[in-house]
Amino acid sequence: MYLNESLFSDFLKVKEILWVGINFSKAKFTRSGFDFTQESLQHILHEWNMLILNDQKKYDIRMSFRKPVMQYNLSTITKLNKSLKVNDILANVISSKHVYSDEQMRKYASSLMLPTTLPYALMFVIESFDSTVKTAAIWVVITQTETHEVVLCVKNPAGIGTRNYWARTFYNVFYDIQSNTFRRWENMVQQ
């Protein structure tokens, strides 16, 4: 886990956050359970991103991150996701080599040119969806949009993957942040 204490303290004070989407550009899926054509892959990545927008009561970013105002701009993440090829993300087995370190994920996140309409942007970066053991690894990343500095970068393992496109894993991450994790992050910078 990486937490920039001074930037996170500032993040706690602002009332708005920008959701930029679910980024699959670093993801690996087990081949078993994900039989995608190129067209179906693009469709499902789009649907997973739209799920967050279309069911905001269930996937409540505002409550999870204690922000009364949310804005959405999926343009950067949509472009990244559209560039993915099926053969690049499918693997027979998710290997331990596929695990990203905090530093690798921070470097990647800070390289992205995200919209600068608000000071802070939030995204999920998917590391893996493993249908064999029904788990997902999802990075929660907050960046300062003007400087590209990473504010928070933490990996959330999520289980209970479902056949309906693993939507439950996203719900579990939001619920965990809202119920427990956000309070822990706040305490880390207030000590």
N, C-alpha and C. Protein backbone atom coordinates (compact mmCIF):
# COMPACT_ATOMS: atom_id res chain seq x y z
N MET A 1 0.83 -1.18 0.00
CA MET A 1 0.00 0.00 0.00
C MET A 1 0.88 1.24 0.00
N TYR A 2 0.47 2.23 -0.79
CA TYR A 2 1.16 3.51 -0.81
C TYR A 2 0.15 4.60 -0.48
N LEU A 3 0.52 5.49 0.42
CA LEU A 3 -0.32 6.61 0.80
C LEU A 3 0.55 7.85 0.97
N ASN A 4 0.31 8.86 0.13
CA ASN A 4 1.00 10.14 0.25
C ASN A 4 0.20 10.94 1.28
N GLU A 5 0.73 11.04 2.49
CA GLU A 5 -0.03 11.60 3.61
C GLU A 5 -0.44 13.05 3.38
N SER A 6 0.44 13.88 2.87
CA SER A 6 0.08 15.29 2.69
C SER A 6 -1.00 15.46 1.62
N LEU A 7 -0.86 14.74 0.50
CA LEU A 7 -1.89 14.83 -0.54
C LEU A 7 -3.20 14.21 -0.09
N PHE A 8 -3.13 13.12 0.67
CA PHE A 8 -4.36 12.49 1.14
C PHE A 8 -5.07 13.41 2.14
N SER A 9 -4.31 14.12 2.97
CA SER A 9 -4.93 15.08 3.89
C SER A 9 -5.68 16.15 3.10
N ASP A 10 -5.09 16.62 2.00
CA ASP A 10 -5.76 17.59 1.16
C ASP A 10 -6.98 16.96 0.48
N PHE A 11 -6.84 15.74 0.01
CA PHE A 11 -7.95 15.01 -0.62
C PHE A 11 -9.15 14.91 0.33
N LEU A 12 -8.89 14.72 1.62
CA LEU A 12 -9.97 14.61 2.59
C LEU A 12 -10.77 15.91 2.69
N LYS A 13 -10.16 17.03 2.38
CA LYS A 13 -10.82 18.33 2.51
C LYS A 13 -11.69 18.69 1.31
N VAL A 14 -11.37 18.18 0.14
CA VAL A 14 -12.15 18.54 -1.05
C VAL A 14 -13.48 17.80 -1.06
N LYS A 15 -14.46 18.40 -1.70
CA LYS A 15 -15.81 17.84 -1.69
C LYS A 15 -16.16 17.08 -2.96
N GLU A 16 -15.26 17.13 -3.96
CA GLU A 16 -15.55 16.48 -5.24
C GLU A 16 -14.43 15.52 -5.61
N ILE A 17 -14.81 14.51 -6.38
CA ILE A 17 -13.83 13.58 -6.93
C ILE A 17 -14.28 13.19 -8.34
N LEU A 18 -13.32 12.87 -9.16
CA LEU A 18 -13.58 12.47 -10.54
C LEU A 18 -13.36 10.97 -10.68
N TRP A 19 -14.39 10.25 -11.10
CA TRP A 19 -14.28 8.81 -11.38
C TRP A 19 -13.90 8.67 -12.84
N VAL A 20 -12.74 8.04 -13.09
CA VAL A 20 -12.29 7.89 -14.48
C VAL A 20 -12.47 6.47 -15.00
N GLY A 21 -12.88 5.53 -14.14
CA GLY A 21 -13.27 4.22 -14.63
C GLY A 21 -12.47 3.05 -14.14
N ILE A 22 -12.80 1.91 -14.74
CA ILE A 22 -12.15 0.64 -14.45
C ILE A 22 -11.17 0.37 -15.58
N ASN A 23 -9.91 0.37 -15.26
CA ASN A 23 -8.83 0.27 -16.23
C ASN A 23 -8.36 -1.19 -16.31
N PHE A 24 -8.49 -1.79 -17.47
CA PHE A 24 -8.10 -3.18 -17.69
C PHE A 24 -6.77 -3.32 -18.43
N SER A 25 -6.06 -2.22 -18.64
CA SER A 25 -4.86 -2.27 -19.48
C SER A 25 -3.73 -3.09 -18.89
N LYS A 26 -3.76 -3.39 -17.60
CA LYS A 26 -2.73 -4.21 -16.95
C LYS A 26 -3.27 -5.59 -16.55
N ALA A 27 -4.47 -5.91 -16.96
CA ALA A 27 -5.17 -7.11 -16.47
C ALA A 27 -4.75 -8.39 -17.18
N LYS A 28 -4.88 -9.46 -16.43
CA LYS A 28 -4.80 -10.81 -16.97
C LYS A 28 -6.04 -11.56 -16.50
N PHE A 29 -6.65 -12.30 -17.41
CA PHE A 29 -7.79 -13.15 -17.09
C PHE A 29 -7.38 -14.59 -17.34
N THR A 30 -7.84 -15.50 -16.49
CA THR A 30 -7.60 -16.91 -16.80
C THR A 30 -8.41 -17.27 -18.04
N ARG A 31 -7.79 -18.05 -18.90
CA ARG A 31 -8.44 -18.41 -20.17
C ARG A 31 -9.72 -19.20 -19.89
N SER A 32 -9.66 -20.09 -18.93
CA SER A 32 -10.84 -20.87 -18.55
C SER A 32 -11.86 -19.93 -17.91
N GLY A 33 -13.05 -19.89 -18.47
CA GLY A 33 -14.10 -19.05 -17.92
C GLY A 33 -14.25 -17.72 -18.63
N PHE A 34 -13.30 -17.36 -19.48
CA PHE A 34 -13.37 -16.09 -20.22
C PHE A 34 -13.14 -16.39 -21.70
N ASP A 35 -14.14 -16.88 -22.35
CA ASP A 35 -14.03 -17.20 -23.77
C ASP A 35 -14.52 -16.01 -24.59
N PHE A 36 -13.64 -15.05 -24.81
CA PHE A 36 -13.99 -13.81 -25.48
C PHE A 36 -13.51 -13.79 -26.92
N THR A 37 -14.33 -13.20 -27.75
CA THR A 37 -13.86 -12.75 -29.05
C THR A 37 -13.41 -11.31 -28.82
N GLN A 38 -12.75 -10.70 -29.78
CA GLN A 38 -12.34 -9.31 -29.63
C GLN A 38 -13.55 -8.41 -29.41
N GLU A 39 -14.60 -8.67 -30.17
CA GLU A 39 -15.81 -7.86 -30.05
C GLU A 39 -16.47 -8.04 -28.68
N SER A 40 -16.57 -9.28 -28.21
CA SER A 40 -17.21 -9.49 -26.91
C SER A 40 -16.36 -8.94 -25.76
N LEU A 41 -15.04 -8.96 -25.90
CA LEU A 41 -14.17 -8.36 -24.88
C LEU A 41 -14.46 -6.87 -24.76
N GLN A 42 -14.49 -6.17 -25.88
CA GLN A 42 -14.76 -4.74 -25.86
C GLN A 42 -16.14 -4.43 -25.26
N HIS A 43 -17.09 -5.26 -25.60
CA HIS A 43 -18.44 -5.07 -25.07
C HIS A 43 -18.45 -5.24 -23.55
N ILE A 44 -17.83 -6.27 -23.05
CA ILE A 44 -17.89 -6.55 -21.62
C ILE A 44 -17.09 -5.52 -20.82
N LEU A 45 -15.96 -5.05 -21.32
CA LEU A 45 -15.21 -4.01 -20.62
C LEU A 45 -16.03 -2.73 -20.53
N HIS A 46 -16.71 -2.40 -21.60
CA HIS A 46 -17.60 -1.23 -21.60
C HIS A 46 -18.74 -1.43 -20.60
N GLU A 47 -19.34 -2.61 -20.60
CA GLU A 47 -20.46 -2.89 -19.69
C GLU A 47 -20.04 -2.81 -18.23
N TRP A 48 -18.87 -3.34 -17.91
CA TRP A 48 -18.40 -3.25 -16.52
C TRP A 48 -18.23 -1.79 -16.11
N ASN A 49 -17.72 -0.95 -16.98
CA ASN A 49 -17.58 0.47 -16.67
C ASN A 49 -18.94 1.15 -16.55
N MET A 50 -19.86 0.82 -17.41
CA MET A 50 -21.19 1.43 -17.35
C MET A 50 -21.98 0.97 -16.13
N LEU A 51 -21.68 -0.19 -15.63
CA LEU A 51 -22.35 -0.71 -14.43
C LEU A 51 -22.21 0.27 -13.27
N ILE A 52 -21.02 0.82 -13.09
CA ILE A 52 -20.77 1.76 -12.00
C ILE A 52 -21.61 3.03 -12.19
N LEU A 53 -21.72 3.49 -13.42
CA LEU A 53 -22.50 4.70 -13.70
C LEU A 53 -24.00 4.46 -13.62
N ASN A 54 -24.44 3.31 -14.10
CA ASN A 54 -25.87 3.04 -14.18
C ASN A 54 -26.50 2.60 -12.87
N ASP A 55 -25.71 2.11 -11.94
CA ASP A 55 -26.26 1.66 -10.66
C ASP A 55 -25.48 2.32 -9.52
N GLN A 56 -25.60 3.64 -9.44
CA GLN A 56 -24.82 4.41 -8.47
C GLN A 56 -25.26 4.18 -7.03
N LYS A 57 -26.45 3.68 -6.83
CA LYS A 57 -26.86 3.36 -5.46
C LYS A 57 -26.12 2.14 -4.94
N LYS A 58 -25.93 1.18 -5.80
CA LYS A 58 -25.23 -0.04 -5.40
C LYS A 58 -23.72 0.16 -5.36
N TYR A 59 -23.18 0.84 -6.36
CA TYR A 59 -21.75 1.10 -6.46
C TYR A 59 -21.52 2.56 -6.09
N ASP A 60 -21.67 2.86 -4.82
CA ASP A 60 -21.73 4.24 -4.35
C ASP A 60 -20.35 4.80 -4.05
N ILE A 61 -19.75 5.42 -5.03
CA ILE A 61 -18.42 6.01 -4.89
C ILE A 61 -18.46 7.16 -3.88
N ARG A 62 -19.51 7.97 -3.94
CA ARG A 62 -19.60 9.11 -3.04
C ARG A 62 -19.57 8.68 -1.57
N MET A 63 -20.33 7.67 -1.23
CA MET A 63 -20.34 7.18 0.16
C MET A 63 -19.01 6.52 0.52
N SER A 64 -18.48 5.75 -0.39
CA SER A 64 -17.23 5.03 -0.12
C SER A 64 -16.08 5.98 0.14
N PHE A 65 -16.02 7.09 -0.62
CA PHE A 65 -14.90 8.01 -0.52
C PHE A 65 -15.26 9.32 0.18
N ARG A 66 -16.46 9.36 0.79
CA ARG A 66 -16.89 10.51 1.60
C ARG A 66 -16.88 11.82 0.81
N LYS A 67 -17.38 11.77 -0.41
CA LYS A 67 -17.44 12.95 -1.26
C LYS A 67 -18.89 13.22 -1.66
N PRO A 68 -19.41 14.43 -1.38
CA PRO A 68 -20.79 14.70 -1.74
C PRO A 68 -21.01 14.86 -3.25
N VAL A 69 -19.96 15.17 -3.99
CA VAL A 69 -20.12 15.42 -5.43
C VAL A 69 -19.18 14.50 -6.21
N MET A 70 -19.75 13.86 -7.22
CA MET A 70 -18.97 12.99 -8.13
C MET A 70 -19.10 13.54 -9.53
N GLN A 71 -18.00 13.50 -10.24
CA GLN A 71 -18.05 13.73 -11.68
C GLN A 71 -17.47 12.48 -12.34
N TYR A 72 -17.83 12.28 -13.59
CA TYR A 72 -17.40 11.10 -14.32
C TYR A 72 -16.81 11.52 -15.65
N ASN A 73 -15.68 10.93 -15.99
CA ASN A 73 -15.09 11.13 -17.31
C ASN A 73 -14.30 9.86 -17.62
N LEU A 74 -14.87 9.01 -18.43
CA LEU A 74 -14.28 7.72 -18.75
C LEU A 74 -13.44 7.74 -20.03
N SER A 75 -13.19 8.90 -20.60
CA SER A 75 -12.56 8.98 -21.91
C SER A 75 -11.17 8.34 -21.95
N THR A 76 -10.31 8.62 -20.99
CA THR A 76 -8.95 8.06 -20.99
C THR A 76 -8.99 6.55 -20.83
N ILE A 77 -9.77 6.08 -19.87
CA ILE A 77 -9.83 4.64 -19.59
C ILE A 77 -10.51 3.90 -20.75
N THR A 78 -11.52 4.49 -21.34
CA THR A 78 -12.17 3.86 -22.49
C THR A 78 -11.18 3.67 -23.63
N LYS A 79 -10.36 4.67 -23.87
CA LYS A 79 -9.35 4.57 -24.94
C LYS A 79 -8.34 3.45 -24.62
N LEU A 80 -7.88 3.40 -23.37
CA LEU A 80 -6.95 2.33 -22.97
C LEU A 80 -7.58 0.95 -23.12
N ASN A 81 -8.81 0.81 -22.65
CA ASN A 81 -9.49 -0.48 -22.72
C ASN A 81 -9.75 -0.91 -24.16
N LYS A 82 -10.05 0.04 -25.04
CA LYS A 82 -10.30 -0.29 -26.45
C LYS A 82 -9.05 -0.79 -27.16
N SER A 83 -7.88 -0.44 -26.63
CA SER A 83 -6.64 -0.87 -27.28
C SER A 83 -6.25 -2.30 -26.91
N LEU A 84 -6.95 -2.92 -25.98
CA LEU A 84 -6.61 -4.28 -25.54
C LEU A 84 -6.96 -5.32 -26.59
N LYS A 85 -6.12 -6.35 -26.66
CA LYS A 85 -6.35 -7.48 -27.54
C LYS A 85 -6.58 -8.72 -26.69
N VAL A 86 -7.51 -9.56 -27.11
CA VAL A 86 -7.87 -10.75 -26.34
C VAL A 86 -6.65 -11.59 -25.99
N ASN A 87 -5.79 -11.85 -26.94
CA ASN A 87 -4.64 -12.73 -26.68
C ASN A 87 -3.65 -12.13 -25.68
N ASP A 88 -3.67 -10.83 -25.51
CA ASP A 88 -2.75 -10.19 -24.57
C ASP A 88 -3.21 -10.30 -23.12
N ILE A 89 -4.50 -10.46 -22.90
CA ILE A 89 -4.97 -10.48 -21.51
C ILE A 89 -5.35 -11.86 -20.99
N LEU A 90 -5.49 -12.84 -21.90
CA LEU A 90 -5.85 -14.18 -21.45
C LEU A 90 -4.61 -15.01 -21.15
N ALA A 91 -4.67 -15.76 -20.06
CA ALA A 91 -3.58 -16.64 -19.67
C ALA A 91 -4.17 -17.97 -19.21
N ASN A 92 -3.42 -19.05 -19.40
CA ASN A 92 -3.91 -20.34 -18.91
C ASN A 92 -3.94 -20.36 -17.38
N VAL A 93 -2.93 -19.74 -16.78
CA VAL A 93 -2.83 -19.64 -15.32
C VAL A 93 -2.34 -18.23 -15.01
N ILE A 94 -2.87 -17.64 -13.97
CA ILE A 94 -2.37 -16.34 -13.52
C ILE A 94 -1.12 -16.62 -12.70
N SER A 95 0.02 -16.20 -13.19
CA SER A 95 1.27 -16.51 -12.51
C SER A 95 1.62 -15.45 -11.48
N SER A 96 2.48 -15.83 -10.57
CA SER A 96 2.92 -14.87 -9.54
C SER A 96 3.73 -13.74 -10.16
N LYS A 97 4.25 -13.94 -11.37
CA LYS A 97 4.98 -12.87 -12.06
C LYS A 97 4.05 -11.73 -12.45
N HIS A 98 2.75 -12.00 -12.46
CA HIS A 98 1.80 -10.98 -12.86
C HIS A 98 1.47 -10.01 -11.72
N VAL A 99 2.00 -10.23 -10.56
CA VAL A 99 1.70 -9.38 -9.41
C VAL A 99 2.52 -8.09 -9.52
N TYR A 100 1.82 -6.96 -9.46
CA TYR A 100 2.49 -5.66 -9.52
C TYR A 100 2.82 -5.19 -8.11
N SER A 101 3.95 -4.53 -7.99
CA SER A 101 4.31 -3.91 -6.72
C SER A 101 3.65 -2.54 -6.62
N ASP A 102 3.63 -1.98 -5.41
CA ASP A 102 3.11 -0.62 -5.23
C ASP A 102 3.86 0.35 -6.14
N GLU A 103 5.16 0.19 -6.20
CA GLU A 103 5.98 1.10 -7.00
C GLU A 103 5.65 1.00 -8.49
N GLN A 104 5.50 -0.23 -8.99
CA GLN A 104 5.15 -0.40 -10.41
C GLN A 104 3.79 0.22 -10.73
N MET A 105 2.83 0.02 -9.84
CA MET A 105 1.50 0.56 -10.08
C MET A 105 1.49 2.08 -9.96
N ARG A 106 2.25 2.62 -9.02
CA ARG A 106 2.35 4.08 -8.89
C ARG A 106 2.96 4.70 -10.14
N LYS A 107 4.02 4.06 -10.63
CA LYS A 107 4.69 4.57 -11.83
C LYS A 107 3.73 4.55 -13.03
N TYR A 108 3.00 3.46 -13.16
CA TYR A 108 2.02 3.35 -14.24
C TYR A 108 0.94 4.42 -14.10
N ALA A 109 0.35 4.54 -12.91
CA ALA A 109 -0.74 5.49 -12.69
C ALA A 109 -0.30 6.93 -12.93
N SER A 110 0.90 7.25 -12.51
CA SER A 110 1.37 8.63 -12.69
C SER A 110 1.69 8.95 -14.15
N SER A 111 1.82 7.93 -14.99
CA SER A 111 2.09 8.15 -16.41
C SER A 111 0.83 8.46 -17.22
N LEU A 112 -0.34 8.23 -16.63
CA LEU A 112 -1.59 8.42 -17.36
C LEU A 112 -1.97 9.90 -17.42
N MET A 113 -2.44 10.31 -18.56
CA MET A 113 -2.90 11.69 -18.76
C MET A 113 -4.42 11.70 -18.51
N LEU A 114 -4.79 11.94 -17.27
CA LEU A 114 -6.19 11.94 -16.88
C LEU A 114 -6.78 13.35 -17.02
N PRO A 115 -8.09 13.43 -17.17
CA PRO A 115 -8.73 14.75 -17.25
C PRO A 115 -8.43 15.57 -15.99
N THR A 116 -8.33 16.86 -16.14
CA THR A 116 -7.97 17.73 -15.02
C THR A 116 -9.13 18.61 -14.56
N THR A 117 -10.35 18.16 -14.78
CA THR A 117 -11.51 18.96 -14.40
C THR A 117 -11.66 19.11 -12.89
N LEU A 118 -11.14 18.17 -12.13
CA LEU A 118 -11.14 18.22 -10.66
C LEU A 118 -9.73 17.92 -10.17
N PRO A 119 -9.41 18.29 -8.95
CA PRO A 119 -8.05 18.07 -8.45
C PRO A 119 -7.67 16.59 -8.28
N TYR A 120 -8.66 15.73 -8.00
CA TYR A 120 -8.35 14.33 -7.72
C TYR A 120 -9.20 13.40 -8.58
N ALA A 121 -8.54 12.35 -9.08
CA ALA A 121 -9.22 11.34 -9.90
C ALA A 121 -9.07 9.98 -9.24
N LEU A 122 -10.10 9.18 -9.38
CA LEU A 122 -10.15 7.83 -8.82
C LEU A 122 -10.36 6.84 -9.95
N MET A 123 -9.63 5.73 -9.89
CA MET A 123 -9.85 4.65 -10.84
C MET A 123 -9.56 3.32 -10.16
N PHE A 124 -10.10 2.27 -10.72
CA PHE A 124 -9.72 0.91 -10.38
C PHE A 124 -8.83 0.42 -11.52
N VAL A 125 -7.70 -0.18 -11.18
CA VAL A 125 -6.84 -0.82 -12.17
C VAL A 125 -6.90 -2.31 -11.88
N ILE A 126 -7.41 -3.06 -12.83
CA ILE A 126 -7.56 -4.50 -12.64
C ILE A 126 -6.23 -5.17 -12.90
N GLU A 127 -5.79 -5.96 -11.92
CA GLU A 127 -4.58 -6.76 -12.10
C GLU A 127 -4.94 -8.13 -12.64
N SER A 128 -5.95 -8.76 -12.04
CA SER A 128 -6.31 -10.10 -12.52
C SER A 128 -7.73 -10.47 -12.14
N PHE A 129 -8.32 -11.28 -13.01
CA PHE A 129 -9.57 -11.98 -12.75
C PHE A 129 -9.24 -13.46 -12.95
N ASP A 130 -9.27 -14.22 -11.89
CA ASP A 130 -8.90 -15.63 -11.95
C ASP A 130 -10.14 -16.48 -11.72
N SER A 131 -10.71 -17.00 -12.80
CA SER A 131 -11.94 -17.79 -12.67
C SER A 131 -11.69 -19.15 -12.04
N THR A 132 -10.44 -19.61 -12.04
CA THR A 132 -10.12 -20.91 -11.46
C THR A 132 -10.37 -20.90 -9.95
N VAL A 133 -9.91 -19.85 -9.28
CA VAL A 133 -10.08 -19.76 -7.83
C VAL A 133 -11.09 -18.68 -7.43
N LYS A 134 -11.77 -18.10 -8.42
CA LYS A 134 -12.83 -17.11 -8.18
C LYS A 134 -12.34 -15.91 -7.36
N THR A 135 -11.22 -15.33 -7.76
CA THR A 135 -10.71 -14.14 -7.09
C THR A 135 -10.32 -13.10 -8.13
N ALA A 136 -10.26 -11.88 -7.65
CA ALA A 136 -9.81 -10.77 -8.47
C ALA A 136 -8.82 -9.96 -7.65
N ALA A 137 -7.91 -9.29 -8.34
CA ALA A 137 -7.00 -8.34 -7.69
C ALA A 137 -7.24 -6.99 -8.35
N ILE A 138 -7.66 -6.03 -7.55
CA ILE A 138 -8.06 -4.71 -8.05
C ILE A 138 -7.29 -3.65 -7.28
N TRP A 139 -6.60 -2.78 -8.00
CA TRP A 139 -5.89 -1.66 -7.40
C TRP A 139 -6.83 -0.46 -7.34
N VAL A 140 -6.92 0.15 -6.17
CA VAL A 140 -7.65 1.40 -6.00
C VAL A 140 -6.60 2.51 -6.06
N VAL A 141 -6.77 3.42 -7.02
CA VAL A 141 -5.75 4.46 -7.23
C VAL A 141 -6.42 5.83 -7.26
N ILE A 142 -5.89 6.73 -6.46
CA ILE A 142 -6.29 8.14 -6.48
C ILE A 142 -5.07 8.93 -6.91
N THR A 143 -5.26 9.81 -7.89
CA THR A 143 -4.15 10.65 -8.34
C THR A 143 -4.54 12.12 -8.27
N GLN A 144 -3.54 12.96 -8.12
CA GLN A 144 -3.70 14.40 -8.20
C GLN A 144 -3.59 14.71 -9.69
N THR A 145 -4.62 15.27 -10.28
CA THR A 145 -4.69 15.34 -11.74
C THR A 145 -3.73 16.34 -12.36
N GLU A 146 -3.45 17.43 -11.70
CA GLU A 146 -2.54 18.44 -12.27
C GLU A 146 -1.09 17.95 -12.28
N THR A 147 -0.65 17.33 -11.19
CA THR A 147 0.75 16.94 -11.06
C THR A 147 1.00 15.48 -11.43
N HIS A 148 -0.07 14.70 -11.57
CA HIS A 148 0.00 13.26 -11.85
C HIS A 148 0.56 12.47 -10.66
N GLU A 149 0.67 13.10 -9.51
CA GLU A 149 1.18 12.39 -8.33
C GLU A 149 0.13 11.43 -7.82
N VAL A 150 0.59 10.27 -7.40
CA VAL A 150 -0.31 9.29 -6.82
C VAL A 150 -0.54 9.64 -5.36
N VAL A 151 -1.79 9.68 -4.97
CA VAL A 151 -2.18 9.99 -3.60
C VAL A 151 -2.33 8.70 -2.81
N LEU A 152 -3.00 7.73 -3.42
CA LEU A 152 -3.28 6.44 -2.80
C LEU A 152 -3.17 5.36 -3.85
N CYS A 153 -2.53 4.27 -3.48
CA CYS A 153 -2.40 3.12 -4.38
C CYS A 153 -2.42 1.88 -3.51
N VAL A 154 -3.52 1.16 -3.55
CA VAL A 154 -3.66 0.00 -2.67
C VAL A 154 -4.34 -1.13 -3.44
N LYS A 155 -3.83 -2.32 -3.23
CA LYS A 155 -4.37 -3.50 -3.90
C LYS A 155 -5.42 -4.14 -3.01
N ASN A 156 -6.60 -4.37 -3.61
CA ASN A 156 -7.69 -5.03 -2.90
C ASN A 156 -7.94 -6.38 -3.53
N PRO A 157 -7.65 -7.45 -2.80
CA PRO A 157 -8.08 -8.74 -3.32
C PRO A 157 -9.58 -8.85 -3.12
N ALA A 158 -10.27 -9.36 -4.09
CA ALA A 158 -11.72 -9.49 -4.00
C ALA A 158 -12.12 -10.89 -4.43
N GLY A 159 -12.94 -11.51 -3.65
CA GLY A 159 -13.40 -12.85 -3.97
C GLY A 159 -14.85 -12.84 -4.42
N ILE A 160 -15.42 -14.01 -4.41
CA ILE A 160 -16.81 -14.22 -4.75
C ILE A 160 -17.12 -13.71 -6.14
N GLY A 161 -16.26 -14.05 -7.07
CA GLY A 161 -16.54 -13.70 -8.45
C GLY A 161 -17.80 -14.40 -8.91
N THR A 162 -18.57 -13.75 -9.73
CA THR A 162 -19.82 -14.34 -10.18
C THR A 162 -19.81 -14.47 -11.70
N ARG A 163 -20.70 -15.24 -12.19
CA ARG A 163 -20.83 -15.43 -13.63
C ARG A 163 -21.29 -14.15 -14.32
N ASN A 164 -21.99 -13.28 -13.58
CA ASN A 164 -22.49 -12.06 -14.22
C ASN A 164 -21.38 -11.02 -14.31
N TYR A 165 -20.30 -11.43 -14.95
CA TYR A 165 -19.21 -10.53 -15.31
C TYR A 165 -18.45 -9.96 -14.11
N TRP A 166 -18.40 -10.70 -13.04
CA TRP A 166 -17.59 -10.33 -11.89
C TRP A 166 -18.02 -9.02 -11.26
N ALA A 167 -19.25 -8.62 -11.48
CA ALA A 167 -19.73 -7.35 -10.95
C ALA A 167 -19.66 -7.33 -9.42
N ARG A 168 -19.84 -8.45 -8.79
CA ARG A 168 -19.82 -8.49 -7.32
C ARG A 168 -18.46 -8.06 -6.77
N THR A 169 -17.38 -8.30 -7.49
CA THR A 169 -16.06 -7.90 -6.99
C THR A 169 -15.97 -6.38 -6.86
N PHE A 170 -16.55 -5.64 -7.79
CA PHE A 170 -16.54 -4.18 -7.70
C PHE A 170 -17.37 -3.71 -6.51
N TYR A 171 -18.53 -4.34 -6.33
CA TYR A 171 -19.37 -4.00 -5.19
C TYR A 171 -18.61 -4.26 -3.89
N ASN A 172 -17.94 -5.40 -3.80
CA ASN A 172 -17.20 -5.75 -2.58
C ASN A 172 -16.11 -4.72 -2.27
N VAL A 173 -15.42 -4.24 -3.28
CA VAL A 173 -14.37 -3.24 -3.05
C VAL A 173 -14.98 -1.95 -2.53
N PHE A 174 -16.05 -1.46 -3.17
CA PHE A 174 -16.70 -0.24 -2.68
C PHE A 174 -17.23 -0.41 -1.26
N TYR A 175 -17.85 -1.55 -1.00
CA TYR A 175 -18.41 -1.81 0.33
C TYR A 175 -17.32 -1.84 1.39
N ASP A 176 -16.21 -2.51 1.09
CA ASP A 176 -15.10 -2.59 2.04
C ASP A 176 -14.53 -1.20 2.32
N ILE A 177 -14.36 -0.41 1.29
CA ILE A 177 -13.84 0.96 1.48
C ILE A 177 -14.80 1.77 2.35
N GLN A 178 -16.08 1.68 2.03
CA GLN A 178 -17.08 2.45 2.78
C GLN A 178 -17.17 1.99 4.23
N SER A 179 -17.14 0.70 4.47
CA SER A 179 -17.34 0.16 5.82
C SER A 179 -16.12 0.23 6.71
N ASN A 180 -14.93 0.03 6.15
CA ASN A 180 -13.74 -0.12 6.99
C ASN A 180 -12.53 0.66 6.52
N THR A 181 -12.16 0.44 5.29
CA THR A 181 -10.85 0.85 4.82
C THR A 181 -10.66 2.36 4.79
N PHE A 182 -11.67 3.11 4.37
CA PHE A 182 -11.50 4.56 4.28
C PHE A 182 -11.18 5.15 5.65
N ARG A 183 -11.85 4.67 6.67
CA ARG A 183 -11.59 5.13 8.04
C ARG A 183 -10.14 4.84 8.43
N ARG A 184 -9.63 3.69 8.04
CA ARG A 184 -8.23 3.34 8.33
C ARG A 184 -7.28 4.29 7.61
N TRP A 185 -7.58 4.63 6.35
CA TRP A 185 -6.73 5.58 5.62
C TRP A 185 -6.74 6.94 6.30
N GLU A 186 -7.94 7.38 6.72
CA GLU A 186 -8.03 8.66 7.44
C GLU A 186 -7.18 8.66 8.70
N ASN A 187 -7.25 7.58 9.44
CA ASN A 187 -6.48 7.47 10.69
C ASN A 187 -4.99 7.48 10.44
N MET A 188 -4.56 6.97 9.32
CA MET A 188 -3.14 6.94 9.00
C MET A 188 -2.57 8.35 8.84
N VAL A 189 -3.34 9.27 8.29
CA VAL A 189 -2.84 10.61 8.09
C VAL A 189 -3.11 11.54 9.27
N GLN A 190 -3.95 11.11 10.19
CA GLN A 190 -4.30 11.96 11.34
C GLN A 190 -3.48 11.60 12.58
N GLN A 191 -2.61 10.65 12.49
CA GLN A 191 -1.81 10.24 13.65
C GLN A 191 -0.67 11.18 13.89
